[in-house]
Amino acid sequence: MDTEAKPTERDRSSQPGTPGPEGRSRFALVPRLAEWLPGGRITLGLFVCLAFLLILNHVVVQPFQIPSGSMEQGLRIGDRVLVNKLAYRFGAQPHRGDVVVFDGTEYFGHGDYVKRVVGVGGDHVVCCDKQGRVEVNGRAVDETAFLYPGDSPSDVSFDVVVPEGRLFVLGDHRSDSSDSRDHLGSPGGGMIPVGSVIGRADWIIWPRDHWTHLTRPGAYARVPAPEGAHG
């Protein structure tokens, strides 16, 4: 006796690999959209790419153009930098030495700015010591690797403690930078809220001959934690 089960008409329609009406309607959506759009599949593909780029630009990375010489000689006027917008998500915080892009509308003036983080919450930042260097938490920082040639660390004296949740930022071209030093007497004392930071500048992507990965200088690695800090 033949005991093999023979599929009925209903069984055949539900076998794996045989799309039902619902499956066919899903797969038919793409060609229907392509037929509806002028240009067909090419236009649809362009729309998909555009949507992907918009999501990428809003959530992950964003290009910025350098508008001034305040971060020379590392960042030159007209350079395009790629800003990592996820660098300070999920609990991560800016570090001393990071180059950050932030919204300075309520603190520096209307627009976005790019500066280097010199002090984070709790830090005691002083300029200058007997050798003319910036001190952070009592440790002098050798900035010669990124400071604009011929510039001093600062021609303005300051002695500040950075409030929690804020940043003390300076441009690398100190003689041509409007930064935290210029707003010490303003609301917020020239300190930028961490929440105003758009992201960390990680790459110079244009021009091609200036393509560079921006890394955190080792000069800040030896700076001790502020007094009273845990961990």
C-alpha atoms as a PDB file:
ATOM      1  CA  MET A   1       0.000   0.000   0.000  1.00  0.00           C
ATOM      2  CA  ASP A   2       1.252   3.395  -0.900  1.00  0.00           C
ATOM      3  CA  THR A   3       1.408   5.312   2.368  1.00  0.00           C
ATOM      4  CA  GLU A   4       2.997   8.519   1.023  1.00  0.00           C
ATOM      5  CA  ALA A   5       0.773  11.518   1.687  1.00  0.00           C
ATOM      6  CA  LYS A   6      -0.297  13.252  -1.502  1.00  0.00           C
ATOM      7  CA  PRO A   7      -0.819  17.002  -1.203  1.00  0.00           C
ATOM      8  CA  THR A   8      -4.248  18.325  -1.925  1.00  0.00           C
ATOM      9  CA  GLU A   9      -4.781  21.507  -3.939  1.00  0.00           C
ATOM     10  CA  ARG A  10      -4.724  23.430  -0.655  1.00  0.00           C
ATOM     11  CA  ASP A  11      -1.429  21.787   0.339  1.00  0.00           C
ATOM     12  CA  ARG A  12       0.230  22.706  -2.964  1.00  0.00           C
ATOM     13  CA  SER A  13      -0.615  26.375  -2.581  1.00  0.00           C
ATOM     14  CA  SER A  14       1.032  26.547   0.828  1.00  0.00           C
ATOM     15  CA  GLN A  15       4.248  24.667   0.014  1.00  0.00           C
ATOM     16  CA  PRO A  16       7.529  26.497   0.758  1.00  0.00           C
ATOM     17  CA  GLY A  17       8.829  28.435  -2.215  1.00  0.00           C
ATOM     18  CA  THR A  18       5.368  28.988  -3.677  1.00  0.00           C
ATOM     19  CA  PRO A  19       4.296  32.568  -2.970  1.00  0.00           C
ATOM     20  CA  GLY A  20       0.713  33.058  -2.016  1.00  0.00           C
ATOM     21  CA  PRO A  21      -1.414  36.052  -2.974  1.00  0.00           C
ATOM     22  CA  GLU A  22      -0.037  38.069  -0.051  1.00  0.00           C
ATOM     23  CA  GLY A  23       3.579  37.310  -0.991  1.00  0.00           C
ATOM     24  CA  ARG A  24       2.942  38.156  -4.624  1.00  0.00           C
ATOM     25  CA  SER A  25       1.385  41.492  -3.682  1.00  0.00           C
ATOM     26  CA  ARG A  26       4.424  42.428  -1.578  1.00  0.00           C
ATOM     27  CA  PHE A  27       6.912  41.641  -4.322  1.00  0.00           C
ATOM     28  CA  ALA A  28       4.755  43.428  -6.861  1.00  0.00           C
ATOM     29  CA  LEU A  29       4.963  46.705  -4.895  1.00  0.00           C
ATOM     30  CA  VAL A  30       8.443  47.613  -6.168  1.00  0.00           C
ATOM     31  CA  PRO A  31       7.670  47.274  -9.897  1.00  0.00           C
ATOM     32  CA  ARG A  32       4.381  49.111  -9.335  1.00  0.00           C
ATOM     33  CA  LEU A  33       6.226  52.029  -7.743  1.00  0.00           C
ATOM     34  CA  ALA A  34       8.780  51.946 -10.548  1.00  0.00           C
ATOM     35  CA  GLU A  35       6.013  52.096 -13.145  1.00  0.00           C
ATOM     36  CA  TRP A  36       4.369  55.024 -11.349  1.00  0.00           C
ATOM     37  CA  LEU A  37       7.545  57.137 -11.090  1.00  0.00           C
ATOM     38  CA  PRO A  38       8.947  58.996 -14.121  1.00  0.00           C
ATOM     39  CA  GLY A  39      12.230  57.288 -14.955  1.00  0.00           C
ATOM     40  CA  GLY A  40      11.137  53.966 -13.499  1.00  0.00           C
ATOM     41  CA  ARG A  41      13.629  51.926 -11.475  1.00  0.00           C
ATOM     42  CA  ILE A  42      16.407  54.499 -11.873  1.00  0.00           C
ATOM     43  CA  THR A  43      14.315  57.198 -10.188  1.00  0.00           C
ATOM     44  CA  LEU A  44      13.236  54.770  -7.464  1.00  0.00           C
ATOM     45  CA  GLY A  45      16.861  53.826  -6.827  1.00  0.00           C
ATOM     46  CA  LEU A  46      17.824  57.495  -6.539  1.00  0.00           C
ATOM     47  CA  PHE A  47      15.023  58.084  -4.020  1.00  0.00           C
ATOM     48  CA  VAL A  48      16.203  55.131  -1.926  1.00  0.00           C
ATOM     49  CA  CYS A  49      19.815  56.391  -1.980  1.00  0.00           C
ATOM     50  CA  LEU A  50      18.683  59.891  -1.026  1.00  0.00           C
ATOM     51  CA  ALA A  51      16.628  58.590   1.889  1.00  0.00           C
ATOM     52  CA  PHE A  52      19.612  56.550   3.091  1.00  0.00           C
ATOM     53  CA  LEU A  53      21.927  59.578   2.904  1.00  0.00           C
ATOM     54  CA  LEU A  54      19.442  61.749   4.793  1.00  0.00           C
ATOM     55  CA  ILE A  55      19.180  59.188   7.596  1.00  0.00           C
ATOM     56  CA  LEU A  56      22.980  58.803   7.655  1.00  0.00           C
ATOM     57  CA  ASN A  57      23.468  62.581   7.770  1.00  0.00           C
ATOM     58  CA  HIS A  58      20.912  63.063  10.545  1.00  0.00           C
ATOM     59  CA  VAL A  59      21.937  60.197  12.804  1.00  0.00           C
ATOM     60  CA  VAL A  60      25.457  58.920  12.111  1.00  0.00           C
ATOM     61  CA  VAL A  61      27.845  61.330  10.359  1.00  0.00           C
ATOM     62  CA  GLN A  62      27.617  64.826   8.940  1.00  0.00           C
ATOM     63  CA  PRO A  63      30.039  66.815   6.769  1.00  0.00           C
ATOM     64  CA  PHE A  64      31.000  70.357   7.800  1.00  0.00           C
ATOM     65  CA  GLN A  65      33.034  72.997   6.002  1.00  0.00           C
ATOM     66  CA  ILE A  66      35.657  74.936   7.973  1.00  0.00           C
ATOM     67  CA  PRO A  67      34.726  78.642   7.669  1.00  0.00           C
ATOM     68  CA  SER A  68      37.689  80.333   9.378  1.00  0.00           C
ATOM     69  CA  GLY A  69      41.330  79.951  10.306  1.00  0.00           C
ATOM     70  CA  SER A  70      40.701  79.513  14.042  1.00  0.00           C
ATOM     71  CA  MET A  71      41.817  75.848  13.955  1.00  0.00           C
ATOM     72  CA  GLU A  72      44.842  76.232  11.695  1.00  0.00           C
ATOM     73  CA  GLN A  73      47.168  74.735  10.941  1.00  0.00           C
ATOM     74  CA  GLY A  74      45.364  71.411  11.405  1.00  0.00           C
ATOM     75  CA  LEU A  75      42.056  72.561   9.885  1.00  0.00           C
ATOM     76  CA  ARG A  76      42.307  75.056   7.048  1.00  0.00           C
ATOM     77  CA  ILE A  77      39.677  77.357   5.605  1.00  0.00           C
ATOM     78  CA  GLY A  78      37.555  75.378   3.136  1.00  0.00           C
ATOM     79  CA  ASP A  79      38.441  71.943   4.518  1.00  0.00           C
ATOM     80  CA  ARG A  80      35.530  69.516   4.767  1.00  0.00           C
ATOM     81  CA  VAL A  81      35.468  67.469   7.945  1.00  0.00           C
ATOM     82  CA  LEU A  82      33.364  64.423   8.682  1.00  0.00           C
ATOM     83  CA  VAL A  83      31.720  64.690  12.099  1.00  0.00           C
ATOM     84  CA  ASN A  84      30.912  61.542  14.049  1.00  0.00           C
ATOM     85  CA  LYS A  85      27.485  62.200  15.590  1.00  0.00           C
ATOM     86  CA  LEU A  86      27.511  58.919  17.529  1.00  0.00           C
ATOM     87  CA  ALA A  87      30.801  59.635  19.334  1.00  0.00           C
ATOM     88  CA  TYR A  88      29.062  60.992  22.440  1.00  0.00           C
ATOM     89  CA  ARG A  89      25.929  58.899  22.444  1.00  0.00           C
ATOM     90  CA  PHE A  90      25.110  56.001  24.781  1.00  0.00           C
ATOM     91  CA  GLY A  91      26.801  57.624  27.768  1.00  0.00           C
ATOM     92  CA  ALA A  92      30.123  58.605  26.164  1.00  0.00           C
ATOM     93  CA  GLN A  93      31.494  62.078  26.931  1.00  0.00           C
ATOM     94  CA  PRO A  94      33.928  64.429  25.159  1.00  0.00           C
ATOM     95  CA  HIS A  95      37.570  64.061  26.178  1.00  0.00           C
ATOM     96  CA  ARG A  96      40.293  66.658  26.543  1.00  0.00           C
ATOM     97  CA  GLY A  97      41.962  67.095  23.169  1.00  0.00           C
ATOM     98  CA  ASP A  98      38.914  66.157  21.060  1.00  0.00           C
ATOM     99  CA  VAL A  99      38.041  68.454  18.171  1.00  0.00           C
ATOM    100  CA  VAL A 100      34.289  69.026  18.423  1.00  0.00           C
ATOM    101  CA  VAL A 101      31.613  70.794  16.403  1.00  0.00           C
ATOM    102  CA  PHE A 102      28.926  72.455  18.478  1.00  0.00           C
ATOM    103  CA  ASP A 103      25.974  74.817  18.229  1.00  0.00           C
ATOM    104  CA  GLY A 104      27.175  78.066  19.739  1.00  0.00           C
ATOM    105  CA  THR A 105      23.989  80.050  19.187  1.00  0.00           C
ATOM    106  CA  GLU A 106      23.364  80.931  22.836  1.00  0.00           C
ATOM    107  CA  TYR A 107      27.021  81.181  23.860  1.00  0.00           C
ATOM    108  CA  PHE A 108      29.372  82.266  21.045  1.00  0.00           C
ATOM    109  CA  GLY A 109      26.912  83.656  18.496  1.00  0.00           C
ATOM    110  CA  HIS A 110      24.638  82.261  15.822  1.00  0.00           C
ATOM    111  CA  GLY A 111      25.962  79.194  14.028  1.00  0.00           C
ATOM    112  CA  ASP A 112      28.090  76.087  14.469  1.00  0.00           C
ATOM    113  CA  TYR A 113      31.689  76.226  15.683  1.00  0.00           C
ATOM    114  CA  VAL A 114      34.673  73.881  15.689  1.00  0.00           C
ATOM    115  CA  LYS A 115      37.144  73.991  18.600  1.00  0.00           C
ATOM    116  CA  ARG A 116      39.390  71.763  20.687  1.00  0.00           C
ATOM    117  CA  VAL A 117      38.272  70.607  24.137  1.00  0.00           C
ATOM    118  CA  VAL A 118      40.811  71.755  26.736  1.00  0.00           C
ATOM    119  CA  GLY A 119      38.791  71.233  29.918  1.00  0.00           C
ATOM    120  CA  VAL A 120      35.846  69.009  30.864  1.00  0.00           C
ATOM    121  CA  GLY A 121      33.523  69.119  33.862  1.00  0.00           C
ATOM    122  CA  GLY A 122      35.402  69.605  37.134  1.00  0.00           C
ATOM    123  CA  ASP A 123      38.713  70.581  35.507  1.00  0.00           C
ATOM    124  CA  HIS A 124      40.754  73.514  36.801  1.00  0.00           C
ATOM    125  CA  VAL A 125      42.184  75.278  33.721  1.00  0.00           C
ATOM    126  CA  VAL A 126      44.807  77.999  34.123  1.00  0.00           C
ATOM    127  CA  CYS A 127      46.910  80.089  31.780  1.00  0.00           C
ATOM    128  CA  CYS A 128      49.616  80.550  31.940  1.00  0.00           C
ATOM    129  CA  ASP A 129      52.350  78.942  34.037  1.00  0.00           C
ATOM    130  CA  LYS A 130      55.918  80.305  34.280  1.00  0.00           C
ATOM    131  CA  GLN A 131      56.791  78.686  30.944  1.00  0.00           C
ATOM    132  CA  GLY A 132      53.697  80.180  29.303  1.00  0.00           C
ATOM    133  CA  ARG A 133      51.804  76.873  29.088  1.00  0.00           C
ATOM    134  CA  VAL A 134      48.177  75.984  29.783  1.00  0.00           C
ATOM    135  CA  GLU A 135      47.715  73.957  32.955  1.00  0.00           C
ATOM    136  CA  VAL A 136      44.870  71.515  33.547  1.00  0.00           C
ATOM    137  CA  ASN A 137      44.445  70.193  37.084  1.00  0.00           C
ATOM    138  CA  GLY A 138      47.966  71.321  37.940  1.00  0.00           C
ATOM    139  CA  ARG A 139      49.614  69.573  34.969  1.00  0.00           C
ATOM    140  CA  ALA A 140      51.153  71.656  32.168  1.00  0.00           C
ATOM    141  CA  VAL A 141      50.037  70.638  28.660  1.00  0.00           C
ATOM    142  CA  ASP A 142      52.563  70.670  25.815  1.00  0.00           C
ATOM    143  CA  GLU A 143      50.473  71.951  22.890  1.00  0.00           C
ATOM    144  CA  THR A 144      53.298  72.411  20.390  1.00  0.00           C
ATOM    145  CA  ALA A 145      52.114  69.462  18.256  1.00  0.00           C
ATOM    146  CA  PHE A 146      48.903  71.237  17.229  1.00  0.00           C
ATOM    147  CA  LEU A 147      49.262  74.901  18.207  1.00  0.00           C
ATOM    148  CA  TYR A 148      49.595  77.298  15.265  1.00  0.00           C
ATOM    149  CA  PRO A 149      53.322  78.019  14.650  1.00  0.00           C
ATOM    150  CA  GLY A 150      54.386  81.231  16.372  1.00  0.00           C
ATOM    151  CA  ASP A 151      51.304  81.411  18.598  1.00  0.00           C
ATOM    152  CA  SER A 152      51.521  81.418  22.378  1.00  0.00           C
ATOM    153  CA  PRO A 153      49.045  79.244  24.301  1.00  0.00           C
ATOM    154  CA  SER A 154      47.120  82.419  25.166  1.00  0.00           C
ATOM    155  CA  ASP A 155      47.615  86.180  25.300  1.00  0.00           C
ATOM    156  CA  VAL A 156      44.716  86.313  27.765  1.00  0.00           C
ATOM    157  CA  SER A 157      45.119  85.086  31.327  1.00  0.00           C
ATOM    158  CA  PHE A 158      42.402  82.881  32.809  1.00  0.00           C
ATOM    159  CA  ASP A 159      41.845  80.733  35.859  1.00  0.00           C
ATOM    160  CA  VAL A 160      38.578  78.775  35.679  1.00  0.00           C
ATOM    161  CA  VAL A 161      36.902  75.666  37.024  1.00  0.00           C
ATOM    162  CA  VAL A 162      34.710  74.017  34.400  1.00  0.00           C
ATOM    163  CA  PRO A 163      31.191  73.242  35.693  1.00  0.00           C
ATOM    164  CA  GLU A 164      29.892  69.695  35.367  1.00  0.00           C
ATOM    165  CA  GLY A 165      28.253  69.066  32.014  1.00  0.00           C
ATOM    166  CA  ARG A 166      30.218  71.830  30.273  1.00  0.00           C
ATOM    167  CA  LEU A 167      33.393  72.206  28.217  1.00  0.00           C
ATOM    168  CA  PHE A 168      36.179  74.776  28.024  1.00  0.00           C
ATOM    169  CA  VAL A 169      37.190  75.035  24.348  1.00  0.00           C
ATOM    170  CA  LEU A 170      39.983  76.816  22.487  1.00  0.00           C
ATOM    171  CA  GLY A 171      40.992  77.172  18.851  1.00  0.00           C
ATOM    172  CA  ASP A 172      44.421  75.891  17.797  1.00  0.00           C
ATOM    173  CA  HIS A 173      45.179  79.252  16.149  1.00  0.00           C
ATOM    174  CA  ARG A 174      44.946  81.101  19.443  1.00  0.00           C
ATOM    175  CA  SER A 175      45.658  84.564  18.008  1.00  0.00           C
ATOM    176  CA  ASP A 176      42.820  84.150  15.482  1.00  0.00           C
ATOM    177  CA  SER A 177      40.198  82.320  17.531  1.00  0.00           C
ATOM    178  CA  SER A 178      37.111  83.512  19.361  1.00  0.00           C
ATOM    179  CA  ASP A 179      36.603  80.833  21.996  1.00  0.00           C
ATOM    180  CA  SER A 180      35.933  80.300  25.705  1.00  0.00           C
ATOM    181  CA  ARG A 181      38.487  82.981  26.628  1.00  0.00           C
ATOM    182  CA  ASP A 182      36.425  85.683  24.913  1.00  0.00           C
ATOM    183  CA  HIS A 183      33.220  84.831  26.767  1.00  0.00           C
ATOM    184  CA  LEU A 184      34.426  84.390  30.337  1.00  0.00           C
ATOM    185  CA  GLY A 185      32.185  87.236  31.504  1.00  0.00           C
ATOM    186  CA  SER A 186      29.161  86.127  29.470  1.00  0.00           C
ATOM    187  CA  PRO A 187      26.306  83.909  30.716  1.00  0.00           C
ATOM    188  CA  GLY A 188      27.771  80.436  31.078  1.00  0.00           C
ATOM    189  CA  GLY A 189      31.294  81.842  31.417  1.00  0.00           C
ATOM    190  CA  GLY A 190      32.295  80.758  27.930  1.00  0.00           C
ATOM    191  CA  MET A 191      31.671  77.096  28.796  1.00  0.00           C
ATOM    192  CA  ILE A 192      29.811  75.048  26.204  1.00  0.00           C
ATOM    193  CA  PRO A 193      27.114  72.597  27.378  1.00  0.00           C
ATOM    194  CA  VAL A 194      27.885  69.036  26.384  1.00  0.00           C
ATOM    195  CA  GLY A 195      24.326  68.881  25.042  1.00  0.00           C
ATOM    196  CA  SER A 196      25.212  71.516  22.431  1.00  0.00           C
ATOM    197  CA  VAL A 197      27.927  69.332  20.910  1.00  0.00           C
ATOM    198  CA  ILE A 198      26.908  67.994  17.500  1.00  0.00           C
ATOM    199  CA  GLY A 199      29.739  65.505  17.285  1.00  0.00           C
ATOM    200  CA  ARG A 200      33.470  64.854  17.091  1.00  0.00           C
ATOM    201  CA  ALA A 201      35.435  65.787  13.971  1.00  0.00           C
ATOM    202  CA  ASP A 202      37.137  62.526  13.005  1.00  0.00           C
ATOM    203  CA  TRP A 203      38.269  62.988   9.392  1.00  0.00           C
ATOM    204  CA  ILE A 204      39.299  65.694   6.959  1.00  0.00           C
ATOM    205  CA  ILE A 205      37.747  64.373   3.755  1.00  0.00           C
ATOM    206  CA  TRP A 206      38.429  67.262   1.348  1.00  0.00           C
ATOM    207  CA  PRO A 207      40.606  68.375  -0.344  1.00  0.00           C
ATOM    208  CA  ARG A 208      42.084  65.010  -1.232  1.00  0.00           C
ATOM    209  CA  ASP A 209      45.665  66.050  -0.535  1.00  0.00           C
ATOM    210  CA  HIS A 210      44.655  66.966   3.008  1.00  0.00           C
ATOM    211  CA  TRP A 211      42.799  63.724   3.788  1.00  0.00           C
ATOM    212  CA  THR A 212      43.595  63.066   7.459  1.00  0.00           C
ATOM    213  CA  HIS A 213      42.312  61.089  10.414  1.00  0.00           C
ATOM    214  CA  LEU A 214      42.012  63.470  13.379  1.00  0.00           C
ATOM    215  CA  THR A 215      43.244  61.815  16.562  1.00  0.00           C
ATOM    216  CA  ARG A 216      43.341  62.944  20.187  1.00  0.00           C
ATOM    217  CA  PRO A 217      46.779  64.391  21.063  1.00  0.00           C
ATOM    218  CA  GLY A 218      48.770  62.443  23.620  1.00  0.00           C
ATOM    219  CA  ALA A 219      49.574  65.682  25.464  1.00  0.00           C
ATOM    220  CA  TYR A 220      46.322  65.376  27.401  1.00  0.00           C
ATOM    221  CA  ALA A 221      46.808  61.750  28.406  1.00  0.00           C
ATOM    222  CA  ARG A 222      48.932  62.715  31.424  1.00  0.00           C
ATOM    223  CA  VAL A 223      46.429  65.238  32.807  1.00  0.00           C
ATOM    224  CA  PRO A 224      45.129  63.925  36.159  1.00  0.00           C
ATOM    225  CA  ALA A 225      41.466  63.761  37.035  1.00  0.00           C
ATOM    226  CA  PRO A 226      40.084  66.816  38.828  1.00  0.00           C
ATOM    227  CA  GLU A 227      40.130  66.794  42.602  1.00  0.00           C
ATOM    228  CA  GLY A 228      37.178  64.952  44.059  1.00  0.00           C
ATOM    229  CA  ALA A 229      36.507  63.023  40.829  1.00  0.00           C
ATOM    230  CA  HIS A 230      35.679  59.347  41.121  1.00  0.00           C
ATOM    231  CA  GLY A 231      37.093  56.690  38.809  1.00  0.00           C
END
